[in-house]
C-alpha atoms as a PDB file:
ATOM      1  CA  MET A   1      76.464  26.158 108.262  1.00  0.00           C
ATOM      2  CA  VAL A   2      75.959  24.293 111.533  1.00  0.00           C
ATOM      3  CA  HIS A   3      79.749  24.074 111.795  1.00  0.00           C
ATOM      4  CA  ILE A   4      81.050  27.520 112.726  1.00  0.00           C
ATOM      5  CA  SER A   5      84.500  28.236 111.272  1.00  0.00           C
ATOM      6  CA  ASP A   6      87.652  29.467 112.992  1.00  0.00           C
ATOM      7  CA  GLY A   7      88.020  33.219 113.437  1.00  0.00           C
ATOM      8  CA  VAL A   8      84.307  34.025 113.746  1.00  0.00           C
ATOM      9  CA  LEU A   9      83.550  33.814 117.470  1.00  0.00           C
ATOM     10  CA  PRO A  10      85.168  35.818 120.292  1.00  0.00           C
ATOM     11  CA  LEU A  11      87.516  34.193 122.789  1.00  0.00           C
ATOM     12  CA  ALA A  12      84.978  34.221 125.635  1.00  0.00           C
ATOM     13  CA  MET A  13      82.466  32.250 123.593  1.00  0.00           C
ATOM     14  CA  LEU A  14      85.134  29.774 122.495  1.00  0.00           C
ATOM     15  CA  ALA A  15      86.232  29.234 126.103  1.00  0.00           C
ATOM     16  CA  ALA A  16      82.639  28.703 127.234  1.00  0.00           C
ATOM     17  CA  GLY A  17      82.160  26.174 124.441  1.00  0.00           C
ATOM     18  CA  PHE A  18      85.151  24.113 125.569  1.00  0.00           C
ATOM     19  CA  LEU A  19      84.056  24.284 129.217  1.00  0.00           C
ATOM     20  CA  PHE A  20      80.538  23.024 128.539  1.00  0.00           C
ATOM     21  CA  THR A  21      81.838  20.417 126.114  1.00  0.00           C
ATOM     22  CA  LEU A  22      84.244  19.068 128.736  1.00  0.00           C
ATOM     23  CA  ILE A  23      81.418  18.789 131.273  1.00  0.00           C
ATOM     24  CA  LEU A  24      79.188  16.996 128.764  1.00  0.00           C
ATOM     25  CA  LEU A  25      81.989  14.638 127.733  1.00  0.00           C
ATOM     26  CA  VAL A  26      82.457  13.581 131.354  1.00  0.00           C
ATOM     27  CA  PHE A  27      78.700  13.012 131.630  1.00  0.00           C
ATOM     28  CA  SER A  28      78.534  11.145 128.329  1.00  0.00           C
ATOM     29  CA  MET A  29      81.503   8.853 129.056  1.00  0.00           C
ATOM     30  CA  ARG A  30      80.531   8.069 132.645  1.00  0.00           C
ATOM     31  CA  ASN A  31      80.334   4.324 133.341  1.00  0.00           C
ATOM     32  CA  ILE A  32      80.819   3.447 129.682  1.00  0.00           C
ATOM     33  CA  ARG A  33      81.119  -0.296 129.067  1.00  0.00           C
ATOM     34  CA  ILE A  34      83.546  -1.949 126.664  1.00  0.00           C
ATOM     35  CA  GLU A  35      80.674  -3.597 124.779  1.00  0.00           C
ATOM     36  CA  GLU A  36      79.235  -0.170 123.936  1.00  0.00           C
ATOM     37  CA  ILE A  37      82.324   0.969 122.018  1.00  0.00           C
ATOM     38  CA  PRO A  38      81.592  -0.807 118.672  1.00  0.00           C
ATOM     39  CA  LYS A  39      78.119   0.746 118.507  1.00  0.00           C
ATOM     40  CA  VAL A  40      79.447   4.204 119.403  1.00  0.00           C
ATOM     41  CA  SER A  41      82.171   3.822 116.764  1.00  0.00           C
ATOM     42  CA  LEU A  42      79.647   2.817 114.079  1.00  0.00           C
ATOM     43  CA  ILE A  43      77.378   5.806 114.707  1.00  0.00           C
ATOM     44  CA  THR A  44      80.381   8.138 114.958  1.00  0.00           C
ATOM     45  CA  ALA A  45      81.480   6.997 111.498  1.00  0.00           C
ATOM     46  CA  ALA A  46      77.982   7.716 110.158  1.00  0.00           C
ATOM     47  CA  LEU A  47      78.044  11.217 111.650  1.00  0.00           C
ATOM     48  CA  PHE A  48      81.500  11.807 110.201  1.00  0.00           C
ATOM     49  CA  VAL A  49      80.466  10.869 106.663  1.00  0.00           C
ATOM     50  CA  ALA A  50      76.980  12.426 106.664  1.00  0.00           C
ATOM     51  CA  SER A  51      78.113  15.978 107.400  1.00  0.00           C
ATOM     52  CA  LEU A  52      81.029  16.021 104.952  1.00  0.00           C
ATOM     53  CA  VAL A  53      78.787  16.555 101.908  1.00  0.00           C
ATOM     54  CA  HIS A  54      77.877  20.264 101.643  1.00  0.00           C
ATOM     55  CA  PHE A  55      75.299  22.022  99.493  1.00  0.00           C
ATOM     56  CA  PRO A  56      76.074  25.754  99.051  1.00  0.00           C
ATOM     57  CA  ILE A  57      73.220  28.222  99.576  1.00  0.00           C
ATOM     58  CA  GLY A  58      74.282  31.854  99.189  1.00  0.00           C
ATOM     59  CA  PRO A  59      77.034  32.754 101.682  1.00  0.00           C
ATOM     60  CA  THR A  60      76.360  29.627 103.747  1.00  0.00           C
ATOM     61  CA  SER A  61      75.937  25.902 103.127  1.00  0.00           C
ATOM     62  CA  VAL A  62      73.874  23.013 104.471  1.00  0.00           C
ATOM     63  CA  HIS A  63      74.567  19.358 105.119  1.00  0.00           C
ATOM     64  CA  LEU A  64      72.985  16.425 106.905  1.00  0.00           C
ATOM     65  CA  ILE A  65      73.631  16.485 110.650  1.00  0.00           C
ATOM     66  CA  MET A  66      72.128  13.209 111.925  1.00  0.00           C
ATOM     67  CA  ASN A  67      72.487  14.169 115.572  1.00  0.00           C
ATOM     68  CA  GLY A  68      68.895  13.078 116.172  1.00  0.00           C
ATOM     69  CA  LEU A  69      69.744   9.616 114.884  1.00  0.00           C
ATOM     70  CA  ALA A  70      72.785   9.537 117.171  1.00  0.00           C
ATOM     71  CA  GLY A  71      70.565  10.481 120.087  1.00  0.00           C
ATOM     72  CA  ILE A  72      68.002   7.715 119.627  1.00  0.00           C
ATOM     73  CA  LEU A  73      70.703   5.095 119.025  1.00  0.00           C
ATOM     74  CA  LEU A  74      73.358   6.057 121.549  1.00  0.00           C
ATOM     75  CA  GLY A  75      71.484   7.833 124.314  1.00  0.00           C
ATOM     76  CA  ARG A  76      73.898   9.615 126.646  1.00  0.00           C
ATOM     77  CA  ARG A  77      76.853   8.324 124.581  1.00  0.00           C
ATOM     78  CA  ALA A  78      75.723  10.461 121.626  1.00  0.00           C
ATOM     79  CA  PHE A  79      77.841  13.386 122.764  1.00  0.00           C
ATOM     80  CA  ILE A  80      81.002  11.262 122.545  1.00  0.00           C
ATOM     81  CA  GLY A  81      80.179  10.317 118.967  1.00  0.00           C
ATOM     82  CA  VAL A  82      79.509  13.932 118.001  1.00  0.00           C
ATOM     83  CA  PHE A  83      82.744  15.154 119.581  1.00  0.00           C
ATOM     84  CA  VAL A  84      84.928  12.491 117.960  1.00  0.00           C
ATOM     85  CA  ALA A  85      83.318  12.980 114.531  1.00  0.00           C
ATOM     86  CA  LEU A  86      83.809  16.755 114.692  1.00  0.00           C
ATOM     87  CA  THR A  87      87.394  16.371 115.866  1.00  0.00           C
ATOM     88  CA  LEU A  88      88.252  14.089 112.941  1.00  0.00           C
ATOM     89  CA  GLN A  89      86.563  16.453 110.477  1.00  0.00           C
ATOM     90  CA  ALA A  90      88.488  19.441 111.849  1.00  0.00           C
ATOM     91  CA  VAL A  91      91.835  17.620 111.807  1.00  0.00           C
ATOM     92  CA  PHE A  92      91.618  15.906 108.424  1.00  0.00           C
ATOM     93  CA  PHE A  93      89.362  18.211 106.398  1.00  0.00           C
ATOM     94  CA  GLN A  94      89.494  21.587 108.231  1.00  0.00           C
ATOM     95  CA  HIS A  95      85.726  21.298 108.519  1.00  0.00           C
ATOM     96  CA  GLY A  96      84.828  23.836 111.183  1.00  0.00           C
ATOM     97  CA  GLY A  97      88.088  24.235 113.073  1.00  0.00           C
ATOM     98  CA  LEU A  98      89.928  23.284 116.239  1.00  0.00           C
ATOM     99  CA  SER A  99      89.407  26.580 118.038  1.00  0.00           C
ATOM    100  CA  VAL A 100      85.626  26.277 117.634  1.00  0.00           C
ATOM    101  CA  LEU A 101      85.502  22.557 118.356  1.00  0.00           C
ATOM    102  CA  GLY A 102      83.945  23.119 121.774  1.00  0.00           C
ATOM    103  CA  VAL A 103      81.196  25.370 120.430  1.00  0.00           C
ATOM    104  CA  ASN A 104      80.444  23.104 117.468  1.00  0.00           C
ATOM    105  CA  ALA A 105      80.318  20.017 119.697  1.00  0.00           C
ATOM    106  CA  PHE A 106      77.924  21.845 122.016  1.00  0.00           C
ATOM    107  CA  ASN A 107      75.721  22.994 119.123  1.00  0.00           C
ATOM    108  CA  ILE A 108      75.387  19.496 117.681  1.00  0.00           C
ATOM    109  CA  GLY A 109      75.837  17.315 120.770  1.00  0.00           C
ATOM    110  CA  VAL A 110      73.322  18.952 123.115  1.00  0.00           C
ATOM    111  CA  PRO A 111      70.466  18.558 120.592  1.00  0.00           C
ATOM    112  CA  ALA A 112      71.463  14.884 120.245  1.00  0.00           C
ATOM    113  CA  LEU A 113      70.959  14.463 123.993  1.00  0.00           C
ATOM    114  CA  LEU A 114      67.637  16.315 123.796  1.00  0.00           C
ATOM    115  CA  ALA A 115      66.552  14.023 120.967  1.00  0.00           C
ATOM    116  CA  TRP A 116      67.374  11.012 123.143  1.00  0.00           C
ATOM    117  CA  GLN A 117      65.267  12.372 126.012  1.00  0.00           C
ATOM    118  CA  LEU A 118      62.351  13.135 123.689  1.00  0.00           C
ATOM    119  CA  PHE A 119      62.556   9.618 122.222  1.00  0.00           C
ATOM    120  CA  GLU A 120      62.429   8.181 125.752  1.00  0.00           C
ATOM    121  CA  LYS A 121      59.034   9.854 126.319  1.00  0.00           C
ATOM    122  CA  ARG A 122      57.422   7.160 124.177  1.00  0.00           C
ATOM    123  CA  ARG A 123      57.915   4.574 126.907  1.00  0.00           C
ATOM    124  CA  GLY A 124      54.759   3.753 128.825  1.00  0.00           C
ATOM    125  CA  LEU A 125      52.501   5.014 126.040  1.00  0.00           C
ATOM    126  CA  GLU A 126      50.263   2.578 124.215  1.00  0.00           C
ATOM    127  CA  SER A 127      49.859   3.533 120.581  1.00  0.00           C
ATOM    128  CA  PRO A 128      50.983   2.042 117.259  1.00  0.00           C
ATOM    129  CA  HIS A 129      54.079   3.336 115.479  1.00  0.00           C
ATOM    130  CA  LEU A 130      55.352   5.211 118.549  1.00  0.00           C
ATOM    131  CA  GLU A 131      58.989   4.641 117.658  1.00  0.00           C
ATOM    132  CA  ALA A 132      58.511   6.090 114.178  1.00  0.00           C
ATOM    133  CA  VAL A 133      56.580   9.113 115.464  1.00  0.00           C
ATOM    134  CA  PHE A 134      58.933   9.921 118.318  1.00  0.00           C
ATOM    135  CA  GLY A 135      61.933   9.197 116.109  1.00  0.00           C
ATOM    136  CA  ALA A 136      60.686  11.741 113.566  1.00  0.00           C
ATOM    137  CA  LEU A 137      60.100  14.301 116.313  1.00  0.00           C
ATOM    138  CA  ALA A 138      63.568  13.644 117.735  1.00  0.00           C
ATOM    139  CA  GLY A 139      65.232  13.961 114.329  1.00  0.00           C
ATOM    140  CA  GLY A 140      63.502  17.230 113.518  1.00  0.00           C
ATOM    141  CA  LEU A 141      64.023  18.696 116.988  1.00  0.00           C
ATOM    142  CA  ALA A 142      67.754  17.945 116.928  1.00  0.00           C
ATOM    143  CA  VAL A 143      68.303  19.836 113.664  1.00  0.00           C
ATOM    144  CA  LEU A 144      66.084  22.731 114.726  1.00  0.00           C
ATOM    145  CA  THR A 145      67.877  23.106 118.063  1.00  0.00           C
ATOM    146  CA  SER A 146      71.321  23.001 116.434  1.00  0.00           C
ATOM    147  CA  VAL A 147      70.340  25.662 113.919  1.00  0.00           C
ATOM    148  CA  LEU A 148      68.816  27.898 116.591  1.00  0.00           C
ATOM    149  CA  LEU A 149      71.953  27.652 118.732  1.00  0.00           C
ATOM    150  CA  VAL A 150      74.151  28.646 115.786  1.00  0.00           C
ATOM    151  CA  SER A 151      71.829  31.508 114.864  1.00  0.00           C
ATOM    152  CA  LEU A 152      71.787  32.862 118.424  1.00  0.00           C
ATOM    153  CA  GLU A 153      75.586  32.753 118.556  1.00  0.00           C
ATOM    154  CA  LEU A 154      75.815  34.649 115.269  1.00  0.00           C
ATOM    155  CA  LEU A 155      73.234  37.208 116.402  1.00  0.00           C
ATOM    156  CA  ALA A 156      75.321  37.824 119.518  1.00  0.00           C
ATOM    157  CA  LEU A 157      78.161  39.022 117.265  1.00  0.00           C
ATOM    158  CA  GLY A 158      76.215  42.076 116.123  1.00  0.00           C
ATOM    159  CA  GLU A 159      73.959  43.390 113.382  1.00  0.00           C
ATOM    160  CA  ALA A 160      76.409  42.407 110.648  1.00  0.00           C
ATOM    161  CA  PHE A 161      75.422  38.761 111.222  1.00  0.00           C
ATOM    162  CA  ASN A 162      71.639  39.258 111.377  1.00  0.00           C
ATOM    163  CA  GLU A 163      71.036  38.350 107.747  1.00  0.00           C
ATOM    164  CA  ILE A 164      73.211  35.248 107.724  1.00  0.00           C
ATOM    165  CA  SER A 165      71.719  33.996 110.997  1.00  0.00           C
ATOM    166  CA  LEU A 166      68.247  34.087 109.422  1.00  0.00           C
ATOM    167  CA  LEU A 167      69.600  32.456 106.270  1.00  0.00           C
ATOM    168  CA  VAL A 168      71.023  29.612 108.355  1.00  0.00           C
ATOM    169  CA  ILE A 169      67.559  28.899 109.782  1.00  0.00           C
ATOM    170  CA  GLY A 170      65.780  29.093 106.435  1.00  0.00           C
ATOM    171  CA  ALA A 171      68.350  26.997 104.599  1.00  0.00           C
ATOM    172  CA  HIS A 172      68.095  24.186 107.152  1.00  0.00           C
ATOM    173  CA  LEU A 173      64.311  23.841 107.150  1.00  0.00           C
ATOM    174  CA  PRO A 174      64.459  21.218 104.354  1.00  0.00           C
ATOM    175  CA  VAL A 175      67.218  19.417 106.272  1.00  0.00           C
ATOM    176  CA  MET A 176      64.981  19.337 109.352  1.00  0.00           C
ATOM    177  CA  ILE A 177      62.170  17.725 107.368  1.00  0.00           C
ATOM    178  CA  ILE A 178      64.485  15.218 105.680  1.00  0.00           C
ATOM    179  CA  GLU A 179      66.107  14.167 108.932  1.00  0.00           C
ATOM    180  CA  ALA A 180      62.738  13.868 110.675  1.00  0.00           C
ATOM    181  CA  LEU A 181      61.608  11.437 107.975  1.00  0.00           C
ATOM    182  CA  VAL A 182      64.903   9.516 107.982  1.00  0.00           C
ATOM    183  CA  VAL A 183      65.148   9.169 111.760  1.00  0.00           C
ATOM    184  CA  GLY A 184      61.482   8.256 112.086  1.00  0.00           C
ATOM    185  CA  ALA A 185      61.806   5.567 109.413  1.00  0.00           C
ATOM    186  CA  ALA A 186      65.024   4.267 110.976  1.00  0.00           C
ATOM    187  CA  ALA A 187      63.436   4.042 114.426  1.00  0.00           C
ATOM    188  CA  GLY A 188      60.413   2.142 113.105  1.00  0.00           C
ATOM    189  CA  PHE A 189      62.590  -0.204 111.063  1.00  0.00           C
ATOM    190  CA  LEU A 190      65.036  -0.945 113.866  1.00  0.00           C
ATOM    191  CA  LEU A 191      62.193  -1.685 116.272  1.00  0.00           C
ATOM    192  CA  LYS A 192      61.140  -4.520 113.986  1.00  0.00           C
ATOM    193  CA  VAL A 193      64.501  -5.971 112.965  1.00  0.00           C
ATOM    194  CA  LYS A 194      67.013  -5.016 115.672  1.00  0.00           C
ATOM    195  CA  PRO A 195      65.423  -3.230 118.642  1.00  0.00           C
ATOM    196  CA  GLU A 196      68.610  -3.529 120.716  1.00  0.00           C
ATOM    197  CA  MET A 197      70.158  -0.869 118.449  1.00  0.00           C
ATOM    198  CA  LEU A 198      67.865   1.770 119.941  1.00  0.00           C
ATOM    199  CA  ALA A 199      69.108   3.665 122.999  1.00  0.00           C
ATOM    200  CA  ASP A 200      69.080   1.526 126.126  1.00  0.00           C
ATOM    201  CA  SER A 201      66.279   2.613 128.443  1.00  0.00           C
ATOM    202  CA  SER A 202      68.491   1.769 131.430  1.00  0.00           C
ATOM    203  CA  SER A 203      70.813   4.683 130.508  1.00  0.00           C
ATOM    204  CA  LYS A 204      69.154   7.379 132.559  1.00  0.00           C
ATOM    205  CA  ILE A 205      70.469  10.907 132.982  1.00  0.00           C
ATOM    206  CA  MET A 206      70.650  10.570 136.755  1.00  0.00           C
ATOM    207  CA  GLU A 207      72.054   7.039 136.683  1.00  0.00           C
ATOM    208  CA  VAL A 208      74.227   6.259 139.722  1.00  0.00           C
ATOM    209  CA  ASN A 209      76.258   3.058 139.944  1.00  0.00           C
END
């Protein structure tokens, strides 16, 4: 359950989620170029589809997240893709909800940006298979960070949510391993066949044009 549903979080937390999401959307969309839109749209579609398939585990459920993959492919634009995918899921499938859209976008989008920054650390290092290794680390880190954010938010609601917050972490450990392997393999493969698909190294966090 990385998507938190409507009616769970208090108003203050919902408002904070929308505030931080708005700030990150401005950052993510800054100086976007028209030629970037097809790539962003493609990855957004992948995010949309990947997290629609749920596997129930007790009172919660798990699904692929793929925010690490979005991070290594889109860089700073990853947050846009996450936000649009979550919005479409909430509108058409009531997956998550509109009131928690800000919090859910934060929980999934921020780890995507962290995955991008971790993937960038490979540059300047001389070692074989760096893309695959750093891609795997980015994929696993993104899932882990998302799950920890959700668990902390649930713990903040009180003791009644202690058990489910721990269940969320445990249930997503296999997802973390799967996504680490998938993102690592994708990064290594794309380096060989289409390296331009990987996040552009010129897209720095402090970029000023």
